[in-house]
Amino acid sequence: MKLAFSGFEWDEGNRRHCQKHGLSPKEIEHFLQQDNLLVAPDVLHAEQEERYLAVGLASTGKPMLVIFTLRKVDETVRLRPISARYMHEKEARKYEEESAKI
């Protein structure tokens, strides 16, 4: 699924949170611009605003996941990454099994 948004929203908070898992904003942005992501609502963590979970393969070939929200700013939609990391082994296996079905 190709996400529709006009830019990214970064600040010290989400940049620091994502980088603590070893991913740079550039890597995350590249990942989120792919056409073949699996995207689903993250209903477990959507307390104050709608959140989404994107899973797919990073440019390194490792399975990766990003939690994000979409925010409307004036007439544009900004994607704000909340957290990003490479998947744990169990998550990666499940992702590979599910993506093989599609």
N, C-alpha and C. Protein backbone atom coordinates (compact mmCIF):
# COMPACT_ATOMS: atom_id res chain seq x y z
N MET A 1 0.84 -1.18 0.00
CA MET A 1 0.00 0.00 0.00
C MET A 1 0.88 1.23 0.00
N LYS A 2 0.61 2.14 -0.88
CA LYS A 2 1.32 3.41 -0.94
C LYS A 2 0.55 4.41 -0.09
N LEU A 3 1.23 5.02 0.87
CA LEU A 3 0.60 6.00 1.75
C LEU A 3 0.49 7.34 1.05
N ALA A 4 -0.60 8.06 1.32
CA ALA A 4 -0.81 9.38 0.72
C ALA A 4 -0.59 10.46 1.79
N PHE A 5 0.50 11.20 1.64
CA PHE A 5 0.81 12.30 2.55
C PHE A 5 1.74 13.26 1.83
N SER A 6 1.86 14.48 2.35
CA SER A 6 2.65 15.48 1.64
C SER A 6 3.99 15.78 2.29
N GLY A 7 4.26 15.18 3.43
CA GLY A 7 5.55 15.41 4.08
C GLY A 7 5.59 14.74 5.43
N PHE A 8 6.72 14.89 6.09
CA PHE A 8 6.93 14.29 7.39
C PHE A 8 6.92 15.36 8.47
N GLU A 9 6.57 14.94 9.68
CA GLU A 9 6.61 15.83 10.82
C GLU A 9 7.60 15.26 11.84
N TRP A 10 8.70 15.97 12.01
CA TRP A 10 9.74 15.56 12.95
C TRP A 10 9.97 16.65 13.99
N ASP A 11 10.24 16.24 15.20
CA ASP A 11 10.72 17.15 16.23
C ASP A 11 11.69 16.35 17.10
N GLU A 12 12.25 16.96 18.11
CA GLU A 12 13.24 16.28 18.94
C GLU A 12 12.67 15.02 19.59
N GLY A 13 11.40 15.04 19.99
CA GLY A 13 10.78 13.90 20.66
C GLY A 13 10.69 12.66 19.80
N ASN A 14 10.07 12.77 18.63
CA ASN A 14 9.93 11.56 17.81
C ASN A 14 11.25 11.17 17.15
N ARG A 15 12.10 12.14 16.86
CA ARG A 15 13.42 11.82 16.28
C ARG A 15 14.23 10.99 17.29
N ARG A 16 14.27 11.43 18.54
CA ARG A 16 15.03 10.73 19.57
C ARG A 16 14.45 9.33 19.82
N HIS A 17 13.12 9.24 19.88
CA HIS A 17 12.47 7.96 20.14
C HIS A 17 12.77 6.94 19.04
N CYS A 18 12.74 7.37 17.80
CA CYS A 18 13.03 6.46 16.69
C CYS A 18 14.51 6.09 16.64
N GLN A 19 15.39 7.06 16.90
CA GLN A 19 16.81 6.79 16.82
C GLN A 19 17.30 5.87 17.94
N LYS A 20 16.59 5.82 19.06
CA LYS A 20 17.03 4.94 20.14
C LYS A 20 16.94 3.47 19.74
N HIS A 21 16.18 3.18 18.68
CA HIS A 21 16.08 1.82 18.16
C HIS A 21 17.03 1.61 16.98
N GLY A 22 17.91 2.58 16.74
CA GLY A 22 18.94 2.42 15.73
C GLY A 22 18.56 2.81 14.32
N LEU A 23 17.44 3.54 14.15
CA LEU A 23 17.01 3.94 12.80
C LEU A 23 17.05 5.46 12.67
N SER A 24 17.56 5.92 11.56
CA SER A 24 17.63 7.36 11.31
C SER A 24 16.33 7.85 10.67
N PRO A 25 16.02 9.13 10.79
CA PRO A 25 14.85 9.68 10.09
C PRO A 25 14.89 9.40 8.58
N LYS A 26 16.07 9.46 7.99
CA LYS A 26 16.19 9.20 6.55
C LYS A 26 15.77 7.77 6.22
N GLU A 27 16.21 6.79 7.02
CA GLU A 27 15.84 5.39 6.80
C GLU A 27 14.33 5.20 6.94
N ILE A 28 13.75 5.85 7.94
CA ILE A 28 12.31 5.74 8.19
C ILE A 28 11.52 6.36 7.05
N GLU A 29 11.94 7.53 6.60
CA GLU A 29 11.25 8.18 5.49
C GLU A 29 11.32 7.33 4.22
N HIS A 30 12.47 6.78 3.94
CA HIS A 30 12.63 5.92 2.76
C HIS A 30 11.69 4.72 2.87
N PHE A 31 11.66 4.08 4.04
CA PHE A 31 10.79 2.93 4.28
C PHE A 31 9.32 3.27 4.03
N LEU A 32 8.87 4.42 4.56
CA LEU A 32 7.45 4.79 4.48
C LEU A 32 7.02 5.24 3.09
N GLN A 33 7.94 5.42 2.17
CA GLN A 33 7.60 5.82 0.81
C GLN A 33 7.53 4.64 -0.16
N GLN A 34 7.67 3.43 0.36
CA GLN A 34 7.58 2.24 -0.48
C GLN A 34 6.13 1.96 -0.89
N ASP A 35 5.97 1.26 -1.99
CA ASP A 35 4.65 0.89 -2.47
C ASP A 35 4.11 -0.39 -1.83
N ASN A 36 4.97 -1.22 -1.29
CA ASN A 36 4.55 -2.56 -0.86
C ASN A 36 4.45 -2.73 0.65
N LEU A 37 4.11 -1.69 1.38
CA LEU A 37 3.95 -1.78 2.83
C LEU A 37 2.60 -2.38 3.19
N LEU A 38 2.57 -3.11 4.28
CA LEU A 38 1.30 -3.54 4.86
C LEU A 38 0.98 -2.54 5.96
N VAL A 39 -0.19 -1.92 5.87
CA VAL A 39 -0.57 -0.87 6.83
C VAL A 39 -1.90 -1.25 7.47
N ALA A 40 -1.96 -1.08 8.80
CA ALA A 40 -3.19 -1.40 9.54
C ALA A 40 -3.34 -0.42 10.69
N PRO A 41 -4.57 -0.18 11.14
CA PRO A 41 -4.76 0.67 12.33
C PRO A 41 -4.10 0.03 13.54
N ASP A 42 -3.52 0.84 14.39
CA ASP A 42 -2.92 0.37 15.65
C ASP A 42 -3.92 0.70 16.76
N VAL A 43 -4.95 -0.09 16.88
CA VAL A 43 -6.04 0.20 17.81
C VAL A 43 -5.63 0.07 19.27
N LEU A 44 -4.59 -0.69 19.55
CA LEU A 44 -4.15 -0.86 20.93
C LEU A 44 -3.51 0.41 21.51
N HIS A 45 -2.96 1.25 20.65
CA HIS A 45 -2.25 2.44 21.12
C HIS A 45 -2.87 3.75 20.64
N ALA A 46 -4.07 3.70 20.12
CA ALA A 46 -4.72 4.90 19.58
C ALA A 46 -5.60 5.55 20.66
N GLU A 47 -4.97 6.12 21.67
CA GLU A 47 -5.73 6.72 22.76
C GLU A 47 -6.17 8.15 22.45
N GLN A 48 -5.24 8.97 21.98
CA GLN A 48 -5.55 10.38 21.73
C GLN A 48 -5.74 10.71 20.26
N GLU A 49 -5.17 9.91 19.38
CA GLU A 49 -5.31 10.12 17.94
C GLU A 49 -5.16 8.79 17.24
N GLU A 50 -5.63 8.72 16.01
CA GLU A 50 -5.51 7.48 15.25
C GLU A 50 -4.04 7.18 14.98
N ARG A 51 -3.67 5.94 15.19
CA ARG A 51 -2.32 5.50 14.91
C ARG A 51 -2.37 4.32 13.95
N TYR A 52 -1.28 4.18 13.21
CA TYR A 52 -1.18 3.12 12.22
C TYR A 52 0.13 2.39 12.40
N LEU A 53 0.15 1.16 11.93
CA LEU A 53 1.33 0.32 11.97
C LEU A 53 1.66 -0.06 10.53
N ALA A 54 2.88 0.24 10.11
CA ALA A 54 3.35 -0.14 8.77
C ALA A 54 4.44 -1.18 8.92
N VAL A 55 4.34 -2.26 8.17
CA VAL A 55 5.37 -3.29 8.19
C VAL A 55 5.82 -3.57 6.76
N GLY A 56 7.07 -3.92 6.64
CA GLY A 56 7.64 -4.22 5.33
C GLY A 56 9.12 -4.47 5.48
N LEU A 57 9.83 -4.45 4.38
CA LEU A 57 11.27 -4.67 4.39
C LEU A 57 12.00 -3.35 4.26
N ALA A 58 12.98 -3.14 5.12
CA ALA A 58 13.84 -1.97 5.03
C ALA A 58 14.78 -2.12 3.84
N SER A 59 15.49 -1.06 3.49
CA SER A 59 16.43 -1.14 2.37
C SER A 59 17.55 -2.15 2.65
N THR A 60 17.76 -2.50 3.91
CA THR A 60 18.75 -3.50 4.29
C THR A 60 18.23 -4.93 4.07
N GLY A 61 16.92 -5.05 3.80
CA GLY A 61 16.30 -6.36 3.64
C GLY A 61 15.73 -6.91 4.93
N LYS A 62 15.94 -6.20 6.04
CA LYS A 62 15.41 -6.65 7.33
C LYS A 62 13.95 -6.23 7.46
N PRO A 63 13.12 -7.09 8.06
CA PRO A 63 11.74 -6.70 8.33
C PRO A 63 11.70 -5.56 9.35
N MET A 64 10.88 -4.57 9.07
CA MET A 64 10.84 -3.35 9.88
C MET A 64 9.40 -2.97 10.15
N LEU A 65 9.17 -2.28 11.26
CA LEU A 65 7.84 -1.75 11.54
C LEU A 65 7.94 -0.31 12.02
N VAL A 66 6.95 0.46 11.64
CA VAL A 66 6.88 1.87 12.04
C VAL A 66 5.46 2.15 12.51
N ILE A 67 5.37 2.77 13.67
CA ILE A 67 4.08 3.25 14.18
C ILE A 67 4.03 4.74 13.87
N PHE A 68 2.92 5.19 13.31
CA PHE A 68 2.83 6.59 12.90
C PHE A 68 1.40 7.09 13.02
N THR A 69 1.28 8.40 12.91
CA THR A 69 -0.04 9.02 12.82
C THR A 69 -0.02 9.98 11.65
N LEU A 70 -1.18 10.34 11.16
CA LEU A 70 -1.33 11.32 10.09
C LEU A 70 -1.98 12.56 10.68
N ARG A 71 -1.39 13.71 10.43
CA ARG A 71 -1.92 14.97 10.96
C ARG A 71 -2.19 15.95 9.83
N LYS A 72 -3.36 16.54 9.87
CA LYS A 72 -3.70 17.54 8.87
C LYS A 72 -3.16 18.89 9.33
N VAL A 73 -2.34 19.51 8.50
CA VAL A 73 -1.74 20.81 8.78
C VAL A 73 -2.13 21.71 7.62
N ASP A 74 -3.01 22.66 7.89
CA ASP A 74 -3.59 23.51 6.84
C ASP A 74 -4.24 22.61 5.81
N GLU A 75 -3.76 22.62 4.59
CA GLU A 75 -4.34 21.80 3.53
C GLU A 75 -3.52 20.56 3.22
N THR A 76 -2.52 20.29 4.04
CA THR A 76 -1.65 19.16 3.78
C THR A 76 -1.78 18.09 4.86
N VAL A 77 -1.36 16.88 4.54
CA VAL A 77 -1.34 15.78 5.49
C VAL A 77 0.12 15.43 5.76
N ARG A 78 0.49 15.49 7.02
CA ARG A 78 1.86 15.17 7.44
C ARG A 78 1.88 13.82 8.15
N LEU A 79 2.88 13.03 7.85
CA LEU A 79 3.05 11.74 8.52
C LEU A 79 4.06 11.95 9.65
N ARG A 80 3.63 11.63 10.86
CA ARG A 80 4.50 11.75 12.03
C ARG A 80 4.87 10.36 12.54
N PRO A 81 6.13 9.94 12.32
CA PRO A 81 6.57 8.67 12.90
C PRO A 81 6.59 8.78 14.43
N ILE A 82 6.10 7.76 15.09
CA ILE A 82 6.07 7.73 16.55
C ILE A 82 7.15 6.80 17.07
N SER A 83 7.26 5.64 16.45
CA SER A 83 8.28 4.66 16.83
C SER A 83 8.64 3.85 15.60
N ALA A 84 9.87 3.39 15.55
CA ALA A 84 10.32 2.57 14.42
C ALA A 84 11.43 1.65 14.91
N ARG A 85 11.39 0.43 14.41
CA ARG A 85 12.42 -0.54 14.77
C ARG A 85 12.38 -1.71 13.80
N TYR A 86 13.47 -2.47 13.83
CA TYR A 86 13.47 -3.73 13.11
C TYR A 86 12.65 -4.71 13.94
N MET A 87 11.98 -5.62 13.26
CA MET A 87 11.14 -6.59 13.96
C MET A 87 11.98 -7.60 14.72
N HIS A 88 11.41 -8.08 15.82
CA HIS A 88 12.01 -9.18 16.56
C HIS A 88 11.84 -10.44 15.73
N GLU A 89 12.60 -11.47 16.04
CA GLU A 89 12.59 -12.70 15.24
C GLU A 89 11.19 -13.29 15.08
N LYS A 90 10.43 -13.36 16.15
CA LYS A 90 9.08 -13.93 16.09
C LYS A 90 8.17 -13.08 15.20
N GLU A 91 8.27 -11.76 15.31
CA GLU A 91 7.47 -10.86 14.46
C GLU A 91 7.87 -11.02 13.00
N ALA A 92 9.16 -11.13 12.75
CA ALA A 92 9.66 -11.26 11.37
C ALA A 92 9.13 -12.54 10.73
N ARG A 93 9.13 -13.64 11.49
CA ARG A 93 8.60 -14.91 10.95
C ARG A 93 7.12 -14.76 10.59
N LYS A 94 6.37 -14.15 11.49
CA LYS A 94 4.93 -13.97 11.24
C LYS A 94 4.72 -13.08 10.01
N TYR A 95 5.48 -11.99 9.90
CA TYR A 95 5.39 -11.11 8.74
C TYR A 95 5.68 -11.88 7.45
N GLU A 96 6.75 -12.67 7.45
CA GLU A 96 7.10 -13.44 6.27
C GLU A 96 6.02 -14.45 5.90
N GLU A 97 5.43 -15.10 6.90
CA GLU A 97 4.35 -16.04 6.63
C GLU A 97 3.13 -15.34 6.04
N GLU A 98 2.76 -14.21 6.62
CA GLU A 98 1.57 -13.48 6.15
C GLU A 98 1.80 -12.87 4.78
N SER A 99 2.98 -12.31 4.54
CA SER A 99 3.23 -11.69 3.23
C SER A 99 3.33 -12.74 2.14
N ALA A 100 3.70 -13.96 2.46
CA ALA A 100 3.75 -15.04 1.47
C ALA A 100 2.34 -15.41 1.02
N LYS A 101 1.36 -15.21 1.87
CA LYS A 101 -0.03 -15.51 1.53
C LYS A 101 -0.63 -14.50 0.54
N ILE A 102 -0.09 -13.30 0.57
CA ILE A 102 -0.67 -12.21 -0.24
C ILE A 102 -0.18 -12.30 -1.68
